[in-house]
Amino acid sequence: MFERFTREARAVVTDAQIVARGLYSPTIDTRHVVVALAEAGGPAARALASAGLDRAALASLGIDLDAVRDSTDATFGEGAFDTAARRRGPKGHIPFTRDAKKSLELALREAVRLRSKDIADTHLLLGVLRDDHAPGARALRDAGTDVPTLRAALETTG
């Protein structure tokens, strides 16, 4: 399945691991994927921003990106967070939670449904949103995100 991921979508998956590591999380869940998507700067990030999900909203989800960056830099040295985001294959494996694995599978289904040959960052976010019980989808709803409007924006982009 990962061979169908665009380069940008693969980077989001890698960055989700970096976010989880920065939070000292033993696993990667869909909240980490959402943060990585928001920071990626691609179409999914623009859709999240247009839905009102900015740094303050991420902090309300319990994920303060500045705190993650500071923690990572304090542990691994100045600029480590940004350097790690460019690196491939960070040391040590952090497993995906069941909901995160499911969201990746749902991203494939979203790509197929939208007749896309590749899985892009928009499909990753659609996969997260499709599982109402996933922490990432719950956190987005709790932050006041208009999920149907966000889905519609992603579907026209993806």
C-alpha atoms as a PDB file:
ATOM      1  CA  MET A   1       0.000   0.000   0.000  1.00  0.00           C
ATOM      2  CA  PHE A   2       2.805   2.472   0.818  1.00  0.00           C
ATOM      3  CA  GLU A   3       4.014   2.364  -2.765  1.00  0.00           C
ATOM      4  CA  ARG A   4       0.837   4.293  -3.667  1.00  0.00           C
ATOM      5  CA  PHE A   5       1.603   7.091  -1.193  1.00  0.00           C
ATOM      6  CA  THR A   6       2.872  10.307  -2.712  1.00  0.00           C
ATOM      7  CA  ARG A   7       6.221  11.571  -1.488  1.00  0.00           C
ATOM      8  CA  GLU A   8       4.390  14.213   0.567  1.00  0.00           C
ATOM      9  CA  ALA A   9       2.077  11.634   2.161  1.00  0.00           C
ATOM     10  CA  ARG A  10       5.067   9.458   3.069  1.00  0.00           C
ATOM     11  CA  ALA A  11       6.707  12.482   4.683  1.00  0.00           C
ATOM     12  CA  VAL A  12       3.557  13.047   6.760  1.00  0.00           C
ATOM     13  CA  VAL A  13       3.717   9.471   8.047  1.00  0.00           C
ATOM     14  CA  THR A  14       7.391   9.948   8.948  1.00  0.00           C
ATOM     15  CA  ASP A  15       6.661  13.296  10.577  1.00  0.00           C
ATOM     16  CA  ALA A  16       3.847  11.734  12.640  1.00  0.00           C
ATOM     17  CA  GLN A  17       6.508   9.495  14.150  1.00  0.00           C
ATOM     18  CA  ILE A  18       8.615  12.562  14.951  1.00  0.00           C
ATOM     19  CA  VAL A  19       5.640  14.264  16.602  1.00  0.00           C
ATOM     20  CA  ALA A  20       4.960  11.134  18.678  1.00  0.00           C
ATOM     21  CA  ARG A  21       8.615  10.897  19.658  1.00  0.00           C
ATOM     22  CA  GLY A  22       8.643  14.571  20.658  1.00  0.00           C
ATOM     23  CA  LEU A  23       5.666  13.903  22.934  1.00  0.00           C
ATOM     24  CA  TYR A  24       7.388  10.824  24.400  1.00  0.00           C
ATOM     25  CA  SER A  25       4.507   8.716  23.127  1.00  0.00           C
ATOM     26  CA  PRO A  26       5.167   4.981  22.803  1.00  0.00           C
ATOM     27  CA  THR A  27       2.782   4.824  19.815  1.00  0.00           C
ATOM     28  CA  ILE A  28       1.671   6.923  16.847  1.00  0.00           C
ATOM     29  CA  ASP A  29      -2.026   7.694  16.840  1.00  0.00           C
ATOM     30  CA  THR A  30      -4.220   9.753  14.534  1.00  0.00           C
ATOM     31  CA  ARG A  31      -3.641  12.956  16.535  1.00  0.00           C
ATOM     32  CA  HIS A  32       0.043  12.745  15.606  1.00  0.00           C
ATOM     33  CA  VAL A  33      -0.954  12.273  11.960  1.00  0.00           C
ATOM     34  CA  VAL A  34      -3.205  15.359  12.135  1.00  0.00           C
ATOM     35  CA  VAL A  35      -0.368  17.464  13.562  1.00  0.00           C
ATOM     36  CA  ALA A  36       2.015  16.218  10.877  1.00  0.00           C
ATOM     37  CA  LEU A  37      -0.585  17.043   8.215  1.00  0.00           C
ATOM     38  CA  ALA A  38      -1.121  20.523   9.656  1.00  0.00           C
ATOM     39  CA  GLU A  39       2.617  21.214   9.608  1.00  0.00           C
ATOM     40  CA  ALA A  40       3.239  19.766   6.141  1.00  0.00           C
ATOM     41  CA  GLY A  41       1.997  22.824   4.280  1.00  0.00           C
ATOM     42  CA  GLY A  42       0.214  20.824   1.570  1.00  0.00           C
ATOM     43  CA  PRO A  43      -3.428  20.799   0.495  1.00  0.00           C
ATOM     44  CA  ALA A  44      -4.546  19.052   3.701  1.00  0.00           C
ATOM     45  CA  ALA A  45      -2.788  21.700   5.815  1.00  0.00           C
ATOM     46  CA  ARG A  46      -4.486  24.452   3.838  1.00  0.00           C
ATOM     47  CA  ALA A  47      -7.868  22.745   4.309  1.00  0.00           C
ATOM     48  CA  LEU A  48      -7.242  22.439   8.049  1.00  0.00           C
ATOM     49  CA  ALA A  49      -6.247  26.107   8.247  1.00  0.00           C
ATOM     50  CA  SER A  50      -9.332  27.180   6.321  1.00  0.00           C
ATOM     51  CA  ALA A  51     -11.405  25.133   8.787  1.00  0.00           C
ATOM     52  CA  GLY A  52      -9.866  27.139  11.620  1.00  0.00           C
ATOM     53  CA  LEU A  53      -7.322  24.593  12.813  1.00  0.00           C
ATOM     54  CA  ASP A  54      -4.189  26.599  13.560  1.00  0.00           C
ATOM     55  CA  ARG A  55      -1.461  26.297  16.209  1.00  0.00           C
ATOM     56  CA  ALA A  56      -3.860  27.457  18.928  1.00  0.00           C
ATOM     57  CA  ALA A  57      -6.418  24.850  17.903  1.00  0.00           C
ATOM     58  CA  LEU A  58      -3.717  22.164  17.851  1.00  0.00           C
ATOM     59  CA  ALA A  59      -2.782  23.182  21.382  1.00  0.00           C
ATOM     60  CA  SER A  60      -6.436  22.760  22.364  1.00  0.00           C
ATOM     61  CA  LEU A  61      -6.181  19.193  21.073  1.00  0.00           C
ATOM     62  CA  GLY A  62      -3.528  18.623  23.684  1.00  0.00           C
ATOM     63  CA  ILE A  63      -0.676  18.877  21.201  1.00  0.00           C
ATOM     64  CA  ASP A  64       1.357  22.044  21.519  1.00  0.00           C
ATOM     65  CA  LEU A  65       3.695  21.896  18.530  1.00  0.00           C
ATOM     66  CA  ASP A  66       6.023  24.506  19.997  1.00  0.00           C
ATOM     67  CA  ALA A  67       6.348  22.371  23.139  1.00  0.00           C
ATOM     68  CA  VAL A  68       7.089  19.297  20.975  1.00  0.00           C
ATOM     69  CA  ARG A  69       9.725  21.254  19.059  1.00  0.00           C
ATOM     70  CA  ASP A  70      11.284  22.614  22.281  1.00  0.00           C
ATOM     71  CA  SER A  71      11.300  19.179  23.910  1.00  0.00           C
ATOM     72  CA  THR A  72      12.882  17.553  20.866  1.00  0.00           C
ATOM     73  CA  ASP A  73      15.511  20.279  20.598  1.00  0.00           C
ATOM     74  CA  ALA A  74      16.271  20.071  24.347  1.00  0.00           C
ATOM     75  CA  THR A  75      16.737  16.311  24.153  1.00  0.00           C
ATOM     76  CA  PHE A  76      18.570  16.018  20.828  1.00  0.00           C
ATOM     77  CA  GLY A  77      20.104  19.476  20.308  1.00  0.00           C
ATOM     78  CA  GLU A  78      19.150  22.763  18.689  1.00  0.00           C
ATOM     79  CA  GLY A  79      17.261  22.270  15.413  1.00  0.00           C
ATOM     80  CA  ALA A  80      16.795  18.523  15.970  1.00  0.00           C
ATOM     81  CA  PHE A  81      13.049  18.634  15.288  1.00  0.00           C
ATOM     82  CA  ASP A  82      13.520  20.306  11.912  1.00  0.00           C
ATOM     83  CA  THR A  83      16.474  18.081  11.047  1.00  0.00           C
ATOM     84  CA  ALA A  84      14.517  14.949  11.973  1.00  0.00           C
ATOM     85  CA  ALA A  85      11.652  16.048   9.745  1.00  0.00           C
ATOM     86  CA  ARG A  86      14.030  15.978   6.763  1.00  0.00           C
ATOM     87  CA  ARG A  87      15.638  12.677   7.721  1.00  0.00           C
ATOM     88  CA  ARG A  88      14.350   9.315   6.586  1.00  0.00           C
ATOM     89  CA  GLY A  89      14.265   6.321   8.883  1.00  0.00           C
ATOM     90  CA  PRO A  90      14.490   7.903  12.349  1.00  0.00           C
ATOM     91  CA  LYS A  91      16.123   5.694  14.952  1.00  0.00           C
ATOM     92  CA  GLY A  92      13.887   3.310  16.803  1.00  0.00           C
ATOM     93  CA  HIS A  93      10.510   2.109  15.678  1.00  0.00           C
ATOM     94  CA  ILE A  94       7.344   3.569  17.151  1.00  0.00           C
ATOM     95  CA  PRO A  95       4.332   1.421  16.253  1.00  0.00           C
ATOM     96  CA  PHE A  96       1.066   2.770  14.937  1.00  0.00           C
ATOM     97  CA  THR A  97      -2.025   2.324  17.084  1.00  0.00           C
ATOM     98  CA  ARG A  98      -4.916   0.305  15.704  1.00  0.00           C
ATOM     99  CA  ASP A  99      -6.827   3.514  14.885  1.00  0.00           C
ATOM    100  CA  ALA A 100      -3.844   4.981  13.027  1.00  0.00           C
ATOM    101  CA  LYS A 101      -3.440   1.791  10.967  1.00  0.00           C
ATOM    102  CA  LYS A 102      -7.149   1.874  10.220  1.00  0.00           C
ATOM    103  CA  SER A 103      -6.944   5.512   9.097  1.00  0.00           C
ATOM    104  CA  LEU A 104      -4.149   4.602   6.666  1.00  0.00           C
ATOM    105  CA  GLU A 105      -6.325   1.816   5.231  1.00  0.00           C
ATOM    106  CA  LEU A 106      -9.246   4.228   5.021  1.00  0.00           C
ATOM    107  CA  ALA A 107      -6.988   6.697   3.181  1.00  0.00           C
ATOM    108  CA  LEU A 108      -6.537   4.045   0.496  1.00  0.00           C
ATOM    109  CA  ARG A 109     -10.313   3.587   0.302  1.00  0.00           C
ATOM    110  CA  GLU A 110     -10.774   7.352   0.018  1.00  0.00           C
ATOM    111  CA  ALA A 111      -8.250   7.511  -2.825  1.00  0.00           C
ATOM    112  CA  VAL A 112     -10.057   4.699  -4.640  1.00  0.00           C
ATOM    113  CA  ARG A 113     -13.452   6.325  -4.023  1.00  0.00           C
ATOM    114  CA  LEU A 114     -12.162   9.607  -5.451  1.00  0.00           C
ATOM    115  CA  ARG A 115     -10.580   7.738  -8.382  1.00  0.00           C
ATOM    116  CA  SER A 116      -7.032   8.742  -7.537  1.00  0.00           C
ATOM    117  CA  LYS A 117      -4.178   6.438  -8.416  1.00  0.00           C
ATOM    118  CA  ASP A 118      -2.053   7.846  -5.575  1.00  0.00           C
ATOM    119  CA  ILE A 119      -2.691   8.340  -1.865  1.00  0.00           C
ATOM    120  CA  ALA A 120      -2.072  12.004  -1.082  1.00  0.00           C
ATOM    121  CA  ASP A 121      -2.108  13.992   2.147  1.00  0.00           C
ATOM    122  CA  THR A 122      -5.762  14.876   1.559  1.00  0.00           C
ATOM    123  CA  HIS A 123      -6.625  11.174   1.503  1.00  0.00           C
ATOM    124  CA  LEU A 124      -4.730  10.683   4.781  1.00  0.00           C
ATOM    125  CA  LEU A 125      -6.857  13.352   6.443  1.00  0.00           C
ATOM    126  CA  LEU A 126     -10.037  11.934   4.911  1.00  0.00           C
ATOM    127  CA  GLY A 127      -9.022   8.551   6.343  1.00  0.00           C
ATOM    128  CA  VAL A 128      -8.641  10.072   9.813  1.00  0.00           C
ATOM    129  CA  LEU A 129     -11.998  11.828   9.520  1.00  0.00           C
ATOM    130  CA  ARG A 130     -13.763   8.693   8.308  1.00  0.00           C
ATOM    131  CA  ASP A 131     -13.241   6.915  11.642  1.00  0.00           C
ATOM    132  CA  ASP A 132     -15.412   8.893  14.067  1.00  0.00           C
ATOM    133  CA  HIS A 133     -13.959   7.063  17.064  1.00  0.00           C
ATOM    134  CA  ALA A 134     -10.296   7.753  16.264  1.00  0.00           C
ATOM    135  CA  PRO A 135      -8.566  10.214  18.628  1.00  0.00           C
ATOM    136  CA  GLY A 136      -7.666  12.501  15.736  1.00  0.00           C
ATOM    137  CA  ALA A 137     -11.251  12.782  14.467  1.00  0.00           C
ATOM    138  CA  ARG A 138     -12.596  13.255  18.001  1.00  0.00           C
ATOM    139  CA  ALA A 139      -9.977  15.917  18.718  1.00  0.00           C
ATOM    140  CA  LEU A 140     -10.860  17.803  15.539  1.00  0.00           C
ATOM    141  CA  ARG A 141     -14.562  17.759  16.448  1.00  0.00           C
ATOM    142  CA  ASP A 142     -13.767  18.809  20.027  1.00  0.00           C
ATOM    143  CA  ALA A 143     -11.750  21.748  18.666  1.00  0.00           C
ATOM    144  CA  GLY A 144     -14.885  22.919  16.861  1.00  0.00           C
ATOM    145  CA  THR A 145     -13.891  21.859  13.355  1.00  0.00           C
ATOM    146  CA  ASP A 146     -16.810  21.690  10.929  1.00  0.00           C
ATOM    147  CA  VAL A 147     -16.033  18.157   9.774  1.00  0.00           C
ATOM    148  CA  PRO A 148     -18.535  17.976   6.860  1.00  0.00           C
ATOM    149  CA  THR A 149     -17.188  21.251   5.439  1.00  0.00           C
ATOM    150  CA  LEU A 150     -13.605  20.021   5.897  1.00  0.00           C
ATOM    151  CA  ARG A 151     -14.439  16.739   4.136  1.00  0.00           C
ATOM    152  CA  ALA A 152     -16.026  18.614   1.241  1.00  0.00           C
ATOM    153  CA  ALA A 153     -12.952  20.844   0.889  1.00  0.00           C
ATOM    154  CA  LEU A 154     -10.654  17.822   0.911  1.00  0.00           C
ATOM    155  CA  GLU A 155     -12.720  15.938  -1.641  1.00  0.00           C
ATOM    156  CA  THR A 156     -12.523  18.802  -4.130  1.00  0.00           C
ATOM    157  CA  THR A 157      -8.758  19.033  -3.553  1.00  0.00           C
ATOM    158  CA  GLY A 158      -8.010  15.288  -3.520  1.00  0.00           C
END
